[in-house]
N, C-alpha and C. Protein backbone atom coordinates (compact mmCIF):
# COMPACT_ATOMS: atom_id res chain seq x y z
N MET A 1 0.85 -1.18 0.00
CA MET A 1 0.00 0.00 0.00
C MET A 1 0.89 1.23 0.00
N LYS A 2 0.61 2.15 -0.91
CA LYS A 2 1.35 3.40 -0.99
C LYS A 2 0.68 4.45 -0.12
N ILE A 3 1.51 5.20 0.58
CA ILE A 3 0.99 6.31 1.37
C ILE A 3 1.47 7.59 0.70
N GLY A 4 0.53 8.41 0.33
CA GLY A 4 0.86 9.65 -0.35
C GLY A 4 1.25 10.75 0.62
N LEU A 5 1.85 11.78 0.07
CA LEU A 5 2.29 12.92 0.88
C LEU A 5 1.13 13.61 1.56
N THR A 6 -0.02 13.69 0.92
CA THR A 6 -1.18 14.34 1.53
C THR A 6 -1.71 13.55 2.71
N THR A 7 -1.46 12.27 2.75
CA THR A 7 -1.87 11.45 3.89
C THR A 7 -0.86 11.56 5.02
N LEU A 8 0.39 11.59 4.69
CA LEU A 8 1.46 11.60 5.67
C LEU A 8 1.71 12.97 6.29
N LEU A 9 1.55 14.02 5.54
CA LEU A 9 1.88 15.37 6.01
C LEU A 9 1.11 15.79 7.26
N PRO A 10 -0.20 15.59 7.36
CA PRO A 10 -0.89 15.97 8.60
C PRO A 10 -0.37 15.24 9.83
N ALA A 11 -0.03 13.98 9.70
CA ALA A 11 0.49 13.21 10.83
C ALA A 11 1.85 13.74 11.27
N VAL A 12 2.70 14.08 10.32
CA VAL A 12 4.02 14.63 10.65
C VAL A 12 3.86 15.97 11.34
N CYS A 13 2.99 16.82 10.85
CA CYS A 13 2.76 18.14 11.46
C CYS A 13 2.24 17.99 12.88
N LEU A 14 1.32 17.07 13.11
CA LEU A 14 0.78 16.85 14.44
C LEU A 14 1.86 16.37 15.40
N THR A 15 2.71 15.48 14.94
CA THR A 15 3.81 14.98 15.77
C THR A 15 4.78 16.09 16.13
N LEU A 16 5.16 16.91 15.16
CA LEU A 16 6.08 18.01 15.41
C LEU A 16 5.47 19.03 16.37
N THR A 17 4.19 19.31 16.24
CA THR A 17 3.52 20.24 17.14
C THR A 17 3.52 19.70 18.56
N SER A 18 3.27 18.42 18.72
CA SER A 18 3.28 17.81 20.04
C SER A 18 4.66 17.89 20.67
N LEU A 19 5.69 17.63 19.90
CA LEU A 19 7.05 17.71 20.42
C LEU A 19 7.43 19.13 20.79
N ALA A 20 7.00 20.10 20.00
CA ALA A 20 7.33 21.50 20.27
C ALA A 20 6.67 21.98 21.56
N GLN A 21 5.54 21.38 21.92
CA GLN A 21 4.83 21.81 23.12
C GLN A 21 5.17 20.95 24.34
N ALA A 22 6.09 20.02 24.18
CA ALA A 22 6.47 19.15 25.30
C ALA A 22 7.17 19.97 26.38
N ASP A 23 7.10 19.47 27.59
CA ASP A 23 7.73 20.13 28.72
C ASP A 23 9.25 20.16 28.51
N PRO A 24 9.85 21.35 28.41
CA PRO A 24 11.29 21.42 28.15
C PRO A 24 12.13 20.97 29.35
N PHE A 25 11.49 20.80 30.50
CA PHE A 25 12.21 20.41 31.71
C PHE A 25 11.72 19.08 32.26
N ALA A 26 11.17 18.23 31.40
CA ALA A 26 10.56 16.98 31.83
C ALA A 26 11.54 16.05 32.55
N ALA A 27 12.81 16.10 32.18
CA ALA A 27 13.79 15.20 32.78
C ALA A 27 14.37 15.72 34.09
N ALA A 28 13.93 16.88 34.53
CA ALA A 28 14.53 17.53 35.70
C ALA A 28 13.92 17.06 37.01
N ASP A 29 14.65 17.29 38.08
CA ASP A 29 14.22 16.99 39.45
C ASP A 29 13.85 18.32 40.12
N ILE A 30 12.56 18.60 40.17
CA ILE A 30 12.07 19.89 40.68
C ILE A 30 12.44 20.09 42.14
N SER A 31 12.36 19.05 42.96
CA SER A 31 12.68 19.22 44.38
C SER A 31 14.16 19.53 44.58
N ALA A 32 15.03 18.93 43.77
CA ALA A 32 16.46 19.25 43.85
C ALA A 32 16.69 20.70 43.41
N GLY A 33 15.94 21.15 42.40
CA GLY A 33 16.06 22.54 41.95
C GLY A 33 15.63 23.52 43.02
N LYS A 34 14.57 23.18 43.72
CA LYS A 34 14.08 24.04 44.81
C LYS A 34 15.15 24.17 45.90
N LYS A 35 15.76 23.05 46.25
CA LYS A 35 16.78 23.05 47.30
C LYS A 35 17.99 23.91 46.88
N LEU A 36 18.42 23.76 45.63
CA LEU A 36 19.54 24.57 45.14
C LEU A 36 19.20 26.05 45.15
N LEU A 37 17.99 26.38 44.73
CA LEU A 37 17.55 27.77 44.70
C LEU A 37 17.51 28.36 46.11
N GLU A 38 16.93 27.61 47.04
CA GLU A 38 16.83 28.10 48.42
C GLU A 38 18.20 28.29 49.06
N THR A 39 19.12 27.40 48.75
CA THR A 39 20.45 27.46 49.34
C THR A 39 21.33 28.55 48.74
N ASN A 40 21.19 28.77 47.42
CA ASN A 40 22.15 29.63 46.72
C ASN A 40 21.61 30.94 46.15
N CYS A 41 20.30 31.08 46.03
CA CYS A 41 19.77 32.21 45.27
C CYS A 41 18.92 33.18 46.08
N ILE A 42 18.15 32.66 47.01
CA ILE A 42 17.14 33.46 47.71
C ILE A 42 17.73 34.67 48.41
N ALA A 43 18.83 34.52 49.10
CA ALA A 43 19.41 35.64 49.86
C ALA A 43 19.75 36.81 48.94
N CYS A 44 20.37 36.53 47.82
CA CYS A 44 20.73 37.59 46.87
C CYS A 44 19.48 38.23 46.27
N HIS A 45 18.52 37.41 45.85
CA HIS A 45 17.30 37.93 45.25
C HIS A 45 16.51 38.75 46.27
N ALA A 46 16.46 38.30 47.50
CA ALA A 46 15.73 39.03 48.55
C ALA A 46 16.40 40.38 48.83
N SER A 47 17.72 40.41 48.85
CA SER A 47 18.40 41.69 49.11
C SER A 47 18.23 42.66 47.95
N SER A 48 18.09 42.15 46.75
CA SER A 48 17.91 43.00 45.57
C SER A 48 16.47 43.41 45.33
N PHE A 49 15.52 42.50 45.66
CA PHE A 49 14.12 42.74 45.30
C PHE A 49 13.19 42.77 46.50
N GLY A 50 13.73 42.53 47.69
CA GLY A 50 12.90 42.56 48.90
C GLY A 50 12.10 41.29 49.10
N GLY A 51 11.46 41.24 50.25
CA GLY A 51 10.60 40.10 50.58
C GLY A 51 11.35 38.79 50.50
N ASP A 52 10.73 37.80 49.86
CA ASP A 52 11.36 36.48 49.72
C ASP A 52 12.18 36.36 48.44
N GLY A 53 12.31 37.45 47.70
CA GLY A 53 13.11 37.46 46.48
C GLY A 53 12.38 37.02 45.24
N SER A 54 11.15 36.54 45.37
CA SER A 54 10.42 36.04 44.20
C SER A 54 9.99 37.13 43.24
N ALA A 55 10.07 38.38 43.66
CA ALA A 55 9.70 39.48 42.76
C ALA A 55 10.59 39.52 41.52
N ILE A 56 11.78 38.95 41.62
CA ILE A 56 12.66 38.90 40.45
C ILE A 56 12.01 38.11 39.31
N TYR A 57 11.20 37.13 39.65
CA TYR A 57 10.57 36.29 38.63
C TYR A 57 9.23 36.85 38.15
N THR A 58 8.59 37.64 38.98
CA THR A 58 7.23 38.09 38.65
C THR A 58 7.16 39.54 38.20
N ARG A 59 8.27 40.25 38.19
CA ARG A 59 8.22 41.66 37.77
C ARG A 59 7.86 41.77 36.30
N GLU A 60 7.23 42.85 35.94
CA GLU A 60 6.75 43.03 34.57
C GLU A 60 7.86 43.05 33.53
N ASP A 61 9.01 43.58 33.89
CA ASP A 61 10.09 43.71 32.91
C ASP A 61 11.09 42.55 32.97
N HIS A 62 10.64 41.37 33.43
CA HIS A 62 11.59 40.26 33.50
C HIS A 62 12.07 39.89 32.11
N ILE A 63 13.32 39.47 32.05
CA ILE A 63 13.95 39.24 30.75
C ILE A 63 13.76 37.82 30.23
N VAL A 64 13.31 36.92 31.05
CA VAL A 64 13.14 35.52 30.64
C VAL A 64 11.81 35.37 29.92
N LYS A 65 11.88 34.93 28.67
CA LYS A 65 10.68 34.76 27.85
C LYS A 65 10.56 33.34 27.27
N THR A 66 11.66 32.59 27.30
CA THR A 66 11.68 31.25 26.71
C THR A 66 12.39 30.29 27.66
N ALA A 67 12.18 28.99 27.43
CA ALA A 67 12.87 27.98 28.22
C ALA A 67 14.38 28.11 28.04
N LYS A 68 14.82 28.34 26.83
CA LYS A 68 16.24 28.52 26.56
C LYS A 68 16.78 29.75 27.30
N GLY A 69 16.01 30.82 27.32
CA GLY A 69 16.40 32.03 28.03
C GLY A 69 16.49 31.82 29.53
N LEU A 70 15.60 30.99 30.07
CA LEU A 70 15.63 30.69 31.50
C LEU A 70 16.91 29.93 31.86
N ILE A 71 17.23 28.93 31.08
CA ILE A 71 18.47 28.19 31.30
C ILE A 71 19.67 29.13 31.20
N GLN A 72 19.67 30.01 30.21
CA GLN A 72 20.80 30.93 30.04
C GLN A 72 20.94 31.87 31.23
N GLN A 73 19.83 32.36 31.75
CA GLN A 73 19.89 33.25 32.92
C GLN A 73 20.44 32.52 34.14
N ILE A 74 20.01 31.29 34.33
CA ILE A 74 20.52 30.49 35.44
C ILE A 74 22.01 30.22 35.25
N ARG A 75 22.40 29.94 34.02
CA ARG A 75 23.82 29.70 33.71
C ARG A 75 24.65 30.95 33.99
N ASN A 76 24.11 32.12 33.67
CA ASN A 76 24.82 33.38 33.96
C ASN A 76 25.05 33.53 35.46
N CYS A 77 24.02 33.28 36.25
CA CYS A 77 24.17 33.37 37.71
C CYS A 77 25.16 32.34 38.21
N ASN A 78 25.07 31.13 37.70
CA ASN A 78 25.98 30.06 38.09
C ASN A 78 27.42 30.47 37.83
N THR A 79 27.69 31.02 36.67
CA THR A 79 29.04 31.44 36.31
C THR A 79 29.49 32.63 37.13
N ASN A 80 28.64 33.66 37.20
CA ASN A 80 29.02 34.89 37.90
C ASN A 80 29.24 34.69 39.39
N LEU A 81 28.52 33.76 39.98
CA LEU A 81 28.65 33.51 41.42
C LEU A 81 29.63 32.38 41.73
N GLY A 82 30.16 31.73 40.69
CA GLY A 82 31.10 30.63 40.89
C GLY A 82 30.50 29.45 41.62
N LEU A 83 29.23 29.15 41.35
CA LEU A 83 28.55 28.06 42.05
C LEU A 83 29.04 26.68 41.63
N GLN A 84 29.57 26.57 40.43
CA GLN A 84 30.08 25.31 39.88
C GLN A 84 29.00 24.22 39.79
N TRP A 85 27.78 24.65 39.43
CA TRP A 85 26.70 23.70 39.21
C TRP A 85 26.94 22.96 37.90
N PHE A 86 26.49 21.73 37.86
CA PHE A 86 26.48 20.96 36.63
C PHE A 86 25.27 21.37 35.79
N ASP A 87 25.27 20.97 34.53
CA ASP A 87 24.12 21.25 33.65
C ASP A 87 22.82 20.72 34.25
N THR A 88 22.88 19.55 34.88
CA THR A 88 21.67 18.98 35.49
C THR A 88 21.17 19.84 36.64
N ASP A 89 22.07 20.45 37.39
CA ASP A 89 21.67 21.36 38.47
C ASP A 89 20.93 22.57 37.89
N GLU A 90 21.48 23.13 36.82
CA GLU A 90 20.84 24.27 36.16
C GLU A 90 19.46 23.88 35.66
N LEU A 91 19.36 22.69 35.08
CA LEU A 91 18.08 22.20 34.57
C LEU A 91 17.08 22.02 35.70
N ASN A 92 17.53 21.50 36.82
CA ASN A 92 16.64 21.30 37.97
C ASN A 92 16.11 22.63 38.50
N VAL A 93 16.97 23.63 38.60
CA VAL A 93 16.52 24.95 39.05
C VAL A 93 15.54 25.55 38.04
N ALA A 94 15.86 25.41 36.76
CA ALA A 94 14.96 25.92 35.72
C ALA A 94 13.59 25.26 35.81
N ALA A 95 13.55 23.97 36.05
CA ALA A 95 12.28 23.25 36.16
C ALA A 95 11.46 23.78 37.33
N TYR A 96 12.12 23.99 38.46
CA TYR A 96 11.43 24.53 39.63
C TYR A 96 10.87 25.92 39.34
N LEU A 97 11.70 26.78 38.77
CA LEU A 97 11.24 28.14 38.46
C LEU A 97 10.13 28.14 37.42
N ASN A 98 10.27 27.28 36.44
CA ASN A 98 9.24 27.22 35.40
C ASN A 98 7.91 26.76 35.98
N LYS A 99 7.95 25.75 36.82
CA LYS A 99 6.72 25.24 37.42
C LYS A 99 6.03 26.28 38.29
N ASN A 100 6.81 27.05 39.02
CA ASN A 100 6.24 27.95 40.01
C ASN A 100 6.04 29.39 39.53
N TYR A 101 6.75 29.81 38.48
CA TYR A 101 6.68 31.20 38.06
C TYR A 101 6.47 31.42 36.56
N TYR A 102 7.24 30.78 35.71
CA TYR A 102 7.27 31.14 34.30
C TYR A 102 6.25 30.44 33.44
N HIS A 103 6.04 29.15 33.64
CA HIS A 103 5.09 28.35 32.86
C HIS A 103 5.39 28.42 31.37
N LEU A 104 6.66 28.23 31.02
CA LEU A 104 7.10 28.28 29.63
C LEU A 104 6.87 26.92 28.97
N GLN A 105 6.73 26.94 27.68
CA GLN A 105 6.55 25.71 26.89
C GLN A 105 7.87 25.31 26.28
């Protein structure tokens, strides 16, 4: 049986759309990310933004707009503060922040 392009194309498009909307942090450990954030980030964020520091994530002019941008921002902090986190640590923190603040696709 031959399958034509008009039959196959909708299925391919549906598959690609599903993959594009998949959770970018599905492999991460959210609880480990929370622990890293609480240990290494909250004090600085609180001193800069007041309260518990979460205003850094909820302010109107926040610079994070994509999952890739969130990882990059975490990587910048990791590098600038000399935290020496592994990529998986950065991913875990990103997953925690995404779940609780950003809700990025």
